[in-house]
Protein backbone atom coordinates (compact mmCIF):
# COMPACT_ATOMS: atom_id res chain seq x y z
CA MET A 1 -88.48 -129.32 30.39
CA ARG A 2 -91.33 -128.18 28.28
CA ILE A 3 -92.38 -130.12 25.54
CA LEU A 4 -95.27 -128.51 23.04
CA VAL A 5 -97.32 -131.35 21.18
CA VAL A 6 -98.85 -130.02 18.04
CA GLU A 7 -101.30 -133.04 16.88
CA ASP A 8 -104.95 -132.99 15.57
CA GLN A 9 -105.86 -136.31 16.95
CA ILE A 10 -107.52 -135.84 20.29
CA GLU A 11 -106.35 -139.09 21.78
CA ILE A 12 -103.09 -139.18 20.43
CA VAL A 13 -102.39 -135.78 22.13
CA ARG A 14 -103.90 -137.26 25.40
CA ASN A 15 -102.04 -140.19 25.43
CA ILE A 16 -98.74 -138.44 24.88
CA ALA A 17 -99.49 -135.43 27.22
CA GLU A 18 -100.21 -137.86 30.25
CA TYR A 19 -97.43 -140.50 29.51
CA LEU A 20 -95.02 -137.43 29.27
CA GLU A 21 -96.24 -135.36 32.01
CA ILE A 22 -95.96 -138.67 34.26
CA LYS A 23 -92.10 -138.93 33.39
CA GLY A 24 -91.49 -135.39 34.91
CA TYR A 25 -92.16 -133.15 31.57
CA LEU A 26 -94.24 -130.16 31.11
CA VAL A 27 -96.60 -130.45 28.12
CA ASP A 28 -98.73 -127.88 26.07
CA CYS A 29 -100.95 -128.79 23.19
CA ALA A 30 -101.97 -127.33 20.33
CA TYR A 31 -104.65 -128.98 17.58
CA ASP A 32 -103.81 -127.25 14.56
CA GLY A 33 -100.99 -125.75 12.66
CA LEU A 34 -101.76 -122.07 13.53
CA GLY A 35 -102.18 -122.71 17.13
CA GLY A 36 -98.72 -124.54 17.06
CA LEU A 37 -97.07 -121.71 15.48
CA HIS A 38 -98.14 -119.28 18.06
CA LEU A 39 -97.13 -121.27 20.90
CA ALA A 40 -93.95 -122.28 19.07
CA VAL A 41 -92.89 -118.76 18.74
CA THR A 42 -94.29 -117.06 22.28
CA GLY A 43 -93.32 -120.05 24.22
CA ASN A 44 -89.69 -121.10 25.53
CA TYR A 45 -90.05 -124.89 24.56
CA ASP A 46 -87.29 -127.54 24.81
CA LEU A 47 -88.61 -129.66 22.05
CA ILE A 48 -91.57 -129.84 19.48
CA VAL A 49 -93.01 -133.07 18.81
CA LEU A 50 -95.23 -131.72 15.46
CA ASP A 51 -97.75 -133.79 12.94
CA LEU A 52 -97.06 -133.79 9.51
CA VAL A 53 -100.69 -133.13 8.57
CA LEU A 54 -102.57 -130.32 10.53
CA PRO A 55 -105.49 -128.46 9.73
CA GLY A 56 -104.89 -124.65 8.83
CA MET A 57 -100.87 -125.35 8.34
CA ASP A 58 -99.23 -128.72 7.84
CA GLY A 59 -96.04 -129.92 9.90
CA ILE A 60 -93.67 -128.99 6.91
CA THR A 61 -94.91 -125.54 6.48
CA LEU A 62 -95.17 -124.83 9.97
CA SER A 63 -91.62 -125.94 10.67
CA GLY A 64 -90.14 -124.24 7.97
CA ARG A 65 -91.75 -121.06 9.33
CA LEU A 66 -89.85 -121.68 12.64
CA ARG A 67 -86.65 -121.71 11.04
CA GLN A 68 -86.94 -119.21 8.21
CA GLU A 69 -88.90 -116.89 9.36
CA SER A 70 -89.20 -116.77 13.43
CA ARG A 71 -85.22 -118.07 13.72
CA ILE A 72 -86.46 -120.53 16.38
CA TYR A 73 -84.27 -123.89 16.41
CA THR A 74 -86.01 -125.91 18.83
CA PRO A 75 -85.60 -129.28 18.18
CA ILE A 76 -88.52 -131.05 16.30
CA ILE A 77 -89.94 -134.79 16.33
CA MET A 78 -92.05 -135.13 13.32
CA LEU A 79 -94.81 -137.63 13.56
CA THR A 80 -96.59 -138.65 10.69
CA ALA A 81 -98.18 -141.75 8.82
CA ARG A 82 -95.99 -141.77 5.89
CA ASP A 83 -92.80 -143.87 5.68
CA GLY A 84 -91.92 -142.76 2.13
CA VAL A 85 -88.33 -141.69 1.70
CA ASP A 86 -89.36 -138.52 0.22
CA ASP A 87 -92.01 -137.38 2.72
CA LYS A 88 -89.02 -138.41 5.65
CA LEU A 89 -86.62 -135.98 3.23
CA ALA A 90 -89.23 -133.18 2.87
CA GLY A 91 -89.39 -133.31 6.73
CA PHE A 92 -85.67 -133.11 7.52
CA LYS A 93 -85.22 -130.42 4.73
CA ALA A 94 -88.04 -128.64 6.69
CA GLY A 95 -85.86 -128.55 10.04
CA ALA A 96 -87.33 -131.71 11.93
CA ASP A 97 -84.57 -133.14 13.89
CA ASP A 98 -85.98 -136.71 13.94
CA TYR A 99 -88.98 -138.64 12.14
CA LEU A 100 -91.62 -141.20 14.06
CA VAL A 101 -93.72 -143.14 11.89
CA LYS A 102 -97.06 -143.90 13.01
CA PRO A 103 -98.43 -146.00 14.89
CA PHE A 104 -95.36 -145.71 17.53
CA SER A 105 -95.16 -146.55 21.27
CA LEU A 106 -94.99 -143.78 23.90
CA GLN A 107 -91.78 -145.69 25.07
CA GLU A 108 -90.18 -145.10 21.82
CA LEU A 109 -91.42 -141.10 21.50
CA GLN A 110 -89.64 -140.87 24.99
CA ALA A 111 -86.49 -142.58 23.79
CA ARG A 112 -86.21 -140.14 20.78
CA ILE A 113 -87.17 -137.15 22.96
CA GLU A 114 -84.17 -137.94 25.00
CA ALA A 115 -81.99 -138.55 22.25
CA VAL A 116 -82.67 -135.63 20.48
CA LEU A 117 -82.33 -133.42 23.61
CA ARG A 118 -79.00 -134.95 23.90
CA ARG A 119 -77.63 -134.38 20.53
CA SER A 120 -79.37 -130.69 21.04
CA LYS A 121 -77.59 -130.21 24.21
CA ALA A 122 -74.41 -131.11 22.50
CA GLU A 123 -74.43 -129.60 19.26
CA PHE A 124 -75.61 -125.92 21.13
CA GLY A 125 -74.52 -126.18 24.48
CA CYS A 126 -75.67 -124.04 27.20
CA LEU A 127 -74.37 -120.66 26.11
CA LEU A 128 -76.12 -117.87 24.17
CA GLU A 129 -73.77 -115.27 22.82
CA VAL A 130 -74.69 -112.18 21.02
CA GLY A 131 -71.46 -109.66 20.38
CA ASP A 132 -69.34 -109.62 23.28
CA LEU A 133 -72.43 -110.62 25.57
CA ARG A 134 -72.18 -114.44 26.94
CA PHE A 135 -75.02 -115.89 28.76
CA ASP A 136 -74.45 -119.30 30.46
CA LEU A 137 -77.78 -120.79 30.94
CA ASP A 138 -76.83 -124.15 33.38
CA ASN A 139 -75.15 -121.65 35.82
CA LEU A 140 -77.22 -118.48 35.05
CA ILE A 141 -74.33 -116.22 35.07
CA VAL A 142 -73.92 -113.46 32.37
CA ARG A 143 -71.08 -111.56 31.31
CA ARG A 144 -69.82 -109.08 28.96
CA ARG A 145 -66.27 -108.47 28.19
CA GLY A 146 -65.37 -110.71 31.02
CA ASN A 147 -67.72 -108.38 33.50
CA SER A 148 -70.24 -110.79 35.68
CA LEU A 149 -73.62 -108.96 35.35
CA LYS A 150 -76.04 -109.25 37.77
CA ILE A 151 -79.85 -109.63 36.61
CA ASN A 152 -82.89 -110.32 38.17
CA PRO A 153 -85.06 -113.45 37.36
CA ILE A 154 -87.33 -111.48 35.08
CA GLY A 155 -84.17 -109.58 33.51
CA LEU A 156 -82.83 -113.15 33.01
CA LYS A 157 -86.29 -114.47 31.39
CA LEU A 158 -86.04 -111.28 29.04
CA LEU A 159 -82.39 -111.77 27.71
CA GLU A 160 -82.46 -115.40 26.87
CA LYS A 161 -85.72 -114.79 24.60
CA LEU A 162 -83.94 -111.87 23.01
CA MET A 163 -80.46 -113.55 22.78
CA ARG A 164 -82.21 -116.86 21.27
CA ALA A 165 -84.36 -114.62 18.62
CA SER A 166 -81.21 -112.09 17.75
CA PRO A 167 -80.75 -110.55 15.64
CA ASN A 168 -84.67 -110.63 15.05
CA VAL A 169 -86.83 -108.47 16.79
CA VAL A 170 -89.19 -109.83 19.50
CA ARG A 171 -92.88 -108.33 19.87
CA LYS A 172 -93.81 -106.47 22.83
CA GLU A 173 -96.81 -108.83 23.55
CA THR A 174 -94.85 -111.76 22.94
CA LEU A 175 -92.52 -110.59 25.88
CA GLU A 176 -95.28 -109.52 28.23
CA GLU A 177 -97.10 -113.14 27.33
CA LEU A 178 -93.75 -114.67 28.65
CA LEU A 179 -93.12 -112.76 31.64
CA TRP A 180 -97.08 -112.51 32.58
CA GLY A 181 -98.94 -114.91 30.47
CA GLU A 182 -102.39 -113.61 28.99
CA ILE A 183 -102.94 -110.96 31.73
CA PRO A 184 -99.93 -108.59 31.62
CA PRO A 185 -100.04 -105.60 34.23
CA ASP A 186 -100.12 -102.08 32.93
CA SER A 187 -97.98 -100.78 29.57
CA ASP A 188 -95.04 -99.30 31.70
CA SER A 189 -94.06 -102.60 33.26
CA LEU A 190 -92.08 -103.89 30.56
CA ARG A 191 -90.95 -100.86 29.52
CA SER A 192 -89.41 -100.49 33.10
CA HIS A 193 -87.70 -104.05 32.96
CA ILE A 194 -86.31 -103.39 29.77
CA HIS A 195 -84.87 -100.37 31.13
CA LEU A 196 -83.28 -102.30 33.92
CA LEU A 197 -81.84 -104.54 31.66
CA ARG A 198 -80.33 -102.04 29.23
CA GLN A 199 -78.65 -100.25 32.52
CA THR A 200 -77.04 -103.52 33.16
CA ILE A 201 -76.05 -104.45 29.95
CA ASP A 202 -75.44 -101.41 28.03
CA LYS A 203 -74.95 -98.30 30.00
CA PRO A 204 -71.30 -99.92 31.37
CA PHE A 205 -70.43 -100.49 27.67
CA GLU A 206 -69.50 -98.38 24.66
CA LYS A 207 -71.43 -100.10 22.45
CA PRO A 208 -75.07 -100.97 23.01
CA LEU A 209 -76.78 -104.02 22.17
CA LEU A 210 -80.53 -103.87 23.12
CA HIS A 211 -82.38 -101.70 20.62
CA THR A 212 -85.87 -100.63 20.70
CA VAL A 213 -87.99 -101.07 17.64
CA HIS A 214 -90.78 -98.39 18.40
CA GLY A 215 -94.10 -99.66 17.70
CA ILE A 216 -93.20 -102.90 17.82
CA GLY A 217 -90.70 -104.51 20.43
CA TYR A 218 -86.80 -104.92 20.98
CA CYS A 219 -84.20 -107.00 19.52
CA LEU A 220 -80.45 -107.71 20.88
CA ARG A 221 -78.10 -107.15 18.11
CA GLU A 222 -74.37 -105.61 17.33
CA ASN A 223 -75.95 -102.64 14.95
CA LYS A 224 -78.87 -100.81 14.39
CA ASP A 225 -79.13 -101.68 10.46
CA GLY A 226 -82.00 -102.36 9.27
CA ILE A 227 -84.32 -101.45 12.51
């Protein structure tokens, strides 16, 4: 499980990261709102621990942009020293799944994380769907119109990212960072993997789902309206 912690107090970040890593989580950290937004959009996290008060962009704004602009629904636990009802309601309205008031114990944070992840899995399941394309994340099985499709590991990573973002466009740079980090290979590499993915999920079928947005990136959707 991958956790993103967005918190400007370095000591709190260090304590959370060390504790969660001992418990078996992979943890990335950001210390301001803009950095947290970038990681949340480009990374593939199971949950975000997000402070309410951050430099650059506060947690309410960050959460709202993830939900409304990027269409990213990664579960969010919001941290804050404010315990007023209005503050909590604002957090939930912006898309937070839970609210933890400082100071808190690391054991309670872990319990909240596990509870939110259980609820998220029960609510959304482990099945992604775009049109007649289905991706079972638990078993890494991809089907279209009942036909099982064989896709290599890189293709599965691309497909999951595109399906989670659907119908929005995922930028080329985001996909390259997903596959290769900050130092991608030559520009034709991503194009080649997209070509292979398109050959598998679209070529045998009448209606294409994978669309190129020239100069920007790619998207999965049932039609090309608006791109």
